[in-house]
Structure formats: structure tokens, C-alpha cells
N, C-alpha and C. Protein backbone atom coordinates (compact mmCIF):
# COMPACT_ATOMS: atom_id res chain seq x y z
N MET A 1 -20.80 -11.72 3.22
CA MET A 1 -20.64 -10.43 3.88
C MET A 1 -19.20 -10.31 4.37
N ILE A 2 -18.67 -9.09 4.27
CA ILE A 2 -17.32 -8.76 4.72
C ILE A 2 -17.43 -7.81 5.90
N ILE A 3 -16.65 -8.07 6.93
CA ILE A 3 -16.54 -7.13 8.05
C ILE A 3 -15.11 -6.60 8.04
N ARG A 4 -14.98 -5.31 7.85
CA ARG A 4 -13.67 -4.65 7.81
C ARG A 4 -13.39 -4.06 9.18
N ILE A 5 -12.27 -4.47 9.77
CA ILE A 5 -11.86 -3.99 11.08
C ILE A 5 -10.57 -3.20 10.90
N VAL A 6 -10.56 -1.98 11.39
CA VAL A 6 -9.37 -1.14 11.29
C VAL A 6 -9.02 -0.64 12.68
N LYS A 7 -7.77 -0.88 13.08
CA LYS A 7 -7.26 -0.42 14.38
C LYS A 7 -6.47 0.86 14.14
N LEU A 8 -6.84 1.92 14.87
CA LEU A 8 -6.25 3.23 14.70
C LEU A 8 -5.73 3.73 16.04
N ASN A 9 -4.50 4.20 16.08
CA ASN A 9 -3.93 4.74 17.30
C ASN A 9 -3.50 6.18 17.01
N PHE A 10 -4.03 7.11 17.81
CA PHE A 10 -3.83 8.54 17.57
C PHE A 10 -2.99 9.19 18.65
N HIS A 11 -2.35 10.28 18.27
CA HIS A 11 -1.74 11.15 19.27
C HIS A 11 -2.88 11.69 20.13
N GLU A 12 -2.65 11.76 21.41
CA GLU A 12 -3.71 12.16 22.35
C GLU A 12 -4.36 13.49 21.95
N GLU A 13 -3.55 14.43 21.53
CA GLU A 13 -4.09 15.75 21.19
C GLU A 13 -4.88 15.75 19.88
N GLN A 14 -4.90 14.63 19.16
CA GLN A 14 -5.62 14.53 17.88
C GLN A 14 -6.93 13.75 17.98
N ILE A 15 -7.25 13.24 19.15
CA ILE A 15 -8.46 12.41 19.30
C ILE A 15 -9.72 13.18 18.96
N LEU A 16 -9.86 14.38 19.46
CA LEU A 16 -11.07 15.16 19.16
C LEU A 16 -11.18 15.46 17.67
N THR A 17 -10.06 15.71 17.03
CA THR A 17 -10.08 15.96 15.59
C THR A 17 -10.55 14.71 14.86
N PHE A 18 -10.03 13.55 15.24
CA PHE A 18 -10.47 12.31 14.61
C PHE A 18 -11.97 12.08 14.82
N LYS A 19 -12.44 12.24 16.05
CA LYS A 19 -13.86 12.03 16.32
C LYS A 19 -14.72 12.96 15.48
N SER A 20 -14.26 14.18 15.29
CA SER A 20 -14.99 15.14 14.47
C SER A 20 -15.02 14.69 13.00
N ILE A 21 -13.89 14.25 12.48
CA ILE A 21 -13.83 13.75 11.10
C ILE A 21 -14.77 12.56 10.94
N PHE A 22 -14.75 11.65 11.89
CA PHE A 22 -15.62 10.47 11.81
C PHE A 22 -17.09 10.90 11.82
N GLU A 23 -17.44 11.75 12.76
CA GLU A 23 -18.83 12.19 12.89
C GLU A 23 -19.32 12.89 11.62
N GLU A 24 -18.47 13.73 11.04
CA GLU A 24 -18.84 14.47 9.83
C GLU A 24 -19.01 13.56 8.62
N ASN A 25 -18.37 12.39 8.63
CA ASN A 25 -18.34 11.55 7.43
C ASN A 25 -19.05 10.22 7.54
N LYS A 26 -19.55 9.87 8.72
CA LYS A 26 -20.13 8.54 8.88
C LYS A 26 -21.35 8.30 7.99
N GLN A 27 -22.19 9.31 7.80
CA GLN A 27 -23.36 9.12 6.95
C GLN A 27 -22.97 8.91 5.48
N THR A 28 -21.91 9.58 5.05
CA THR A 28 -21.43 9.39 3.68
C THR A 28 -20.86 7.98 3.51
N ILE A 29 -20.18 7.49 4.53
CA ILE A 29 -19.66 6.11 4.47
C ILE A 29 -20.82 5.14 4.39
N LEU A 30 -21.83 5.32 5.25
CA LEU A 30 -22.99 4.43 5.25
C LEU A 30 -23.77 4.49 3.93
N ALA A 31 -23.66 5.60 3.23
CA ALA A 31 -24.37 5.74 1.95
C ALA A 31 -23.64 5.08 0.78
N GLN A 32 -22.43 4.60 1.02
CA GLN A 32 -21.67 3.96 -0.05
C GLN A 32 -22.35 2.65 -0.46
N LYS A 33 -22.31 2.36 -1.72
CA LYS A 33 -22.92 1.13 -2.22
C LYS A 33 -22.33 -0.08 -1.48
N GLY A 34 -23.20 -0.86 -0.88
CA GLY A 34 -22.78 -2.08 -0.21
C GLY A 34 -22.43 -1.94 1.25
N CYS A 35 -22.37 -0.72 1.78
CA CYS A 35 -22.07 -0.55 3.21
C CYS A 35 -23.36 -0.77 4.00
N LEU A 36 -23.34 -1.75 4.89
CA LEU A 36 -24.53 -2.14 5.63
C LEU A 36 -24.56 -1.60 7.06
N ARG A 37 -23.38 -1.35 7.61
CA ARG A 37 -23.30 -0.93 9.01
C ARG A 37 -21.92 -0.37 9.29
N LEU A 38 -21.84 0.54 10.26
CA LEU A 38 -20.57 1.16 10.62
C LEU A 38 -20.56 1.42 12.12
N GLU A 39 -19.47 1.06 12.78
CA GLU A 39 -19.32 1.31 14.21
C GLU A 39 -17.93 1.86 14.49
N LEU A 40 -17.86 2.70 15.52
CA LEU A 40 -16.59 3.21 16.03
C LEU A 40 -16.50 2.79 17.49
N LEU A 41 -15.39 2.15 17.84
CA LEU A 41 -15.16 1.69 19.22
C LEU A 41 -13.86 2.29 19.72
N GLN A 42 -13.81 2.48 21.05
CA GLN A 42 -12.60 3.00 21.69
C GLN A 42 -12.14 2.00 22.74
N ASP A 43 -10.84 1.73 22.77
CA ASP A 43 -10.28 0.78 23.72
C ASP A 43 -10.51 1.27 25.15
N LEU A 44 -10.90 0.36 26.03
CA LEU A 44 -11.14 0.72 27.43
C LEU A 44 -9.88 1.11 28.18
N ASN A 45 -8.76 0.52 27.80
CA ASN A 45 -7.52 0.74 28.55
C ASN A 45 -6.54 1.68 27.87
N ASP A 46 -6.83 2.04 26.65
CA ASP A 46 -5.95 2.96 25.91
C ASP A 46 -6.82 3.92 25.12
N GLU A 47 -7.03 5.11 25.66
CA GLU A 47 -7.92 6.10 25.04
C GLU A 47 -7.49 6.51 23.64
N ASN A 48 -6.24 6.27 23.30
CA ASN A 48 -5.73 6.67 21.98
C ASN A 48 -6.04 5.66 20.89
N THR A 49 -6.54 4.49 21.27
CA THR A 49 -6.78 3.43 20.31
C THR A 49 -8.26 3.29 20.02
N PHE A 50 -8.57 3.28 18.72
CA PHE A 50 -9.93 3.14 18.22
C PHE A 50 -9.98 2.00 17.22
N PHE A 51 -11.18 1.50 17.01
CA PHE A 51 -11.43 0.49 16.00
C PHE A 51 -12.65 0.91 15.20
N THR A 52 -12.57 0.79 13.90
CA THR A 52 -13.77 0.94 13.09
C THR A 52 -14.14 -0.45 12.59
N TYR A 53 -15.43 -0.73 12.64
CA TYR A 53 -15.99 -1.95 12.10
C TYR A 53 -16.97 -1.52 11.03
N SER A 54 -16.80 -2.00 9.83
CA SER A 54 -17.78 -1.72 8.79
C SER A 54 -18.18 -3.02 8.13
N TRP A 55 -19.47 -3.16 7.90
CA TRP A 55 -20.04 -4.35 7.28
C TRP A 55 -20.35 -4.03 5.82
N TRP A 56 -19.91 -4.90 4.92
CA TRP A 56 -20.08 -4.71 3.48
C TRP A 56 -20.72 -5.94 2.87
N ASP A 57 -21.54 -5.72 1.87
CA ASP A 57 -22.22 -6.86 1.24
C ASP A 57 -21.26 -7.75 0.47
N CYS A 58 -20.16 -7.15 -0.05
CA CYS A 58 -19.17 -7.95 -0.77
C CYS A 58 -17.84 -7.20 -0.82
N GLU A 59 -16.78 -7.94 -1.07
CA GLU A 59 -15.45 -7.34 -1.10
C GLU A 59 -15.31 -6.33 -2.24
N GLU A 60 -15.98 -6.58 -3.35
CA GLU A 60 -15.91 -5.65 -4.49
C GLU A 60 -16.38 -4.25 -4.09
N ASN A 61 -17.50 -4.15 -3.39
CA ASN A 61 -17.99 -2.83 -2.99
C ASN A 61 -17.08 -2.18 -1.94
N LEU A 62 -16.52 -2.97 -1.05
CA LEU A 62 -15.54 -2.44 -0.10
C LEU A 62 -14.35 -1.85 -0.86
N ASN A 63 -13.85 -2.56 -1.85
CA ASN A 63 -12.69 -2.08 -2.60
C ASN A 63 -13.01 -0.85 -3.45
N VAL A 64 -14.21 -0.78 -3.99
CA VAL A 64 -14.61 0.43 -4.73
C VAL A 64 -14.57 1.63 -3.79
N TYR A 65 -15.10 1.45 -2.58
CA TYR A 65 -15.05 2.52 -1.57
C TYR A 65 -13.62 2.88 -1.22
N ARG A 66 -12.79 1.89 -0.93
CA ARG A 66 -11.40 2.13 -0.52
C ARG A 66 -10.57 2.81 -1.61
N ASN A 67 -10.94 2.59 -2.86
CA ASN A 67 -10.20 3.18 -3.98
C ASN A 67 -10.81 4.47 -4.49
N SER A 68 -11.87 4.95 -3.85
CA SER A 68 -12.54 6.16 -4.32
C SER A 68 -11.73 7.41 -3.94
N ASP A 69 -11.90 8.44 -4.73
CA ASP A 69 -11.24 9.72 -4.43
C ASP A 69 -11.72 10.27 -3.10
N TRP A 70 -13.01 10.09 -2.80
CA TRP A 70 -13.56 10.58 -1.54
C TRP A 70 -12.83 9.93 -0.36
N PHE A 71 -12.69 8.59 -0.38
CA PHE A 71 -12.00 7.90 0.71
C PHE A 71 -10.55 8.37 0.81
N LYS A 72 -9.86 8.48 -0.31
CA LYS A 72 -8.46 8.90 -0.29
C LYS A 72 -8.31 10.27 0.34
N ASN A 73 -9.24 11.17 0.09
CA ASN A 73 -9.21 12.51 0.67
C ASN A 73 -9.36 12.45 2.20
N ILE A 74 -10.33 11.69 2.67
CA ILE A 74 -10.55 11.55 4.12
C ILE A 74 -9.36 10.84 4.77
N TRP A 75 -8.87 9.79 4.12
CA TRP A 75 -7.74 9.04 4.69
C TRP A 75 -6.50 9.92 4.80
N ASN A 76 -6.26 10.76 3.79
CA ASN A 76 -5.10 11.66 3.84
C ASN A 76 -5.19 12.63 5.02
N LYS A 77 -6.38 13.08 5.36
CA LYS A 77 -6.56 13.96 6.52
C LYS A 77 -6.36 13.17 7.82
N THR A 78 -6.89 11.96 7.85
CA THR A 78 -6.86 11.15 9.07
C THR A 78 -5.46 10.65 9.38
N LYS A 79 -4.72 10.24 8.37
CA LYS A 79 -3.42 9.63 8.65
C LYS A 79 -2.41 10.62 9.24
N LEU A 80 -2.67 11.91 9.11
CA LEU A 80 -1.81 12.90 9.73
C LEU A 80 -1.93 12.88 11.26
N LEU A 81 -2.97 12.26 11.77
CA LEU A 81 -3.27 12.24 13.20
C LEU A 81 -2.70 11.02 13.92
N PHE A 82 -2.21 10.05 13.16
CA PHE A 82 -1.80 8.77 13.74
C PHE A 82 -0.54 8.86 14.59
N LYS A 83 -0.56 8.11 15.67
CA LYS A 83 0.62 7.91 16.50
C LYS A 83 1.37 6.66 16.01
N GLU A 84 0.61 5.66 15.56
CA GLU A 84 1.17 4.40 15.05
C GLU A 84 0.51 4.08 13.72
N LYS A 85 1.17 3.28 12.95
CA LYS A 85 0.62 2.83 11.67
C LYS A 85 -0.65 2.02 11.93
N PRO A 86 -1.74 2.32 11.22
CA PRO A 86 -2.98 1.56 11.43
C PRO A 86 -2.84 0.13 10.92
N LYS A 87 -3.71 -0.72 11.44
CA LYS A 87 -3.77 -2.11 11.00
C LYS A 87 -5.19 -2.38 10.55
N ALA A 88 -5.34 -3.19 9.51
CA ALA A 88 -6.68 -3.47 8.99
C ALA A 88 -6.81 -4.93 8.61
N TRP A 89 -8.04 -5.43 8.80
CA TRP A 89 -8.35 -6.80 8.45
C TRP A 89 -9.70 -6.83 7.74
N SER A 90 -9.81 -7.63 6.70
CA SER A 90 -11.09 -7.93 6.08
C SER A 90 -11.44 -9.34 6.52
N THR A 91 -12.60 -9.50 7.14
CA THR A 91 -12.97 -10.77 7.76
C THR A 91 -14.34 -11.23 7.27
N LYS A 92 -14.62 -12.49 7.51
CA LYS A 92 -15.96 -13.01 7.26
C LYS A 92 -16.46 -13.69 8.52
N LYS A 93 -17.76 -13.60 8.74
CA LYS A 93 -18.36 -14.17 9.94
C LYS A 93 -18.44 -15.69 9.78
N ILE A 94 -17.97 -16.40 10.78
CA ILE A 94 -18.03 -17.86 10.80
C ILE A 94 -19.22 -18.34 11.62
N ASN A 95 -19.45 -17.66 12.75
CA ASN A 95 -20.48 -18.11 13.66
C ASN A 95 -20.98 -16.91 14.45
N GLU A 96 -22.25 -16.95 14.79
CA GLU A 96 -22.82 -15.90 15.64
C GLU A 96 -23.70 -16.56 16.68
N SER A 97 -23.46 -16.24 17.94
CA SER A 97 -24.26 -16.80 19.03
C SER A 97 -24.88 -15.66 19.81
N GLN A 98 -26.07 -15.88 20.31
CA GLN A 98 -26.75 -14.86 21.11
C GLN A 98 -27.29 -15.46 22.36
């Protein structure tokens, strides 16, 4: 399993626009082949910073999604809202404790 973490920092006046884009598209993201889960988090100390966490069954399906025309269209709309260049990591779970 792959967990994709993306850190996004927006201009303050663009936060509502981003939240709207995310809300409108989250079900389509979850419907992508191999997408198991999707979360949006907001930093407690910096309202402009968000993180998306998406769980994928394999890197191949994540890359198919990332290279799709649909994703490119949404990303082109979203990147206009950024205050800073986003950062992304593809990770694998090593340990889970409860």
C-alpha cells in the first residue's frame, strides 16, 4: 500500500476556493482505481497550509491517476491558488500502533 502525502500552502483569499474544489472532486478521486481512502487536513498553526493523504493499493494505480487528463485539469486549477510550491511524498507504512 502507498500513502501519498501532499503539503499545500495557499494564499489566504484562495482557501475557500480550494476547499470547494476539493469537496467537488473528492468522490471522483475516491472512485479512481486503487484509491482506498482520502483525507484533507489543515495545519493548526497555519490556516493556509493543508495536507492531503491518499491511500493507494499500489504505486502503478497512483501514477495512472496522477497522469490522467482529469487530474491534470484539477491540478491546473488548484496550482493557481498556491502561495508556495507544494511538496509531495509517496510513502509506505512501516508500523501501526493503536
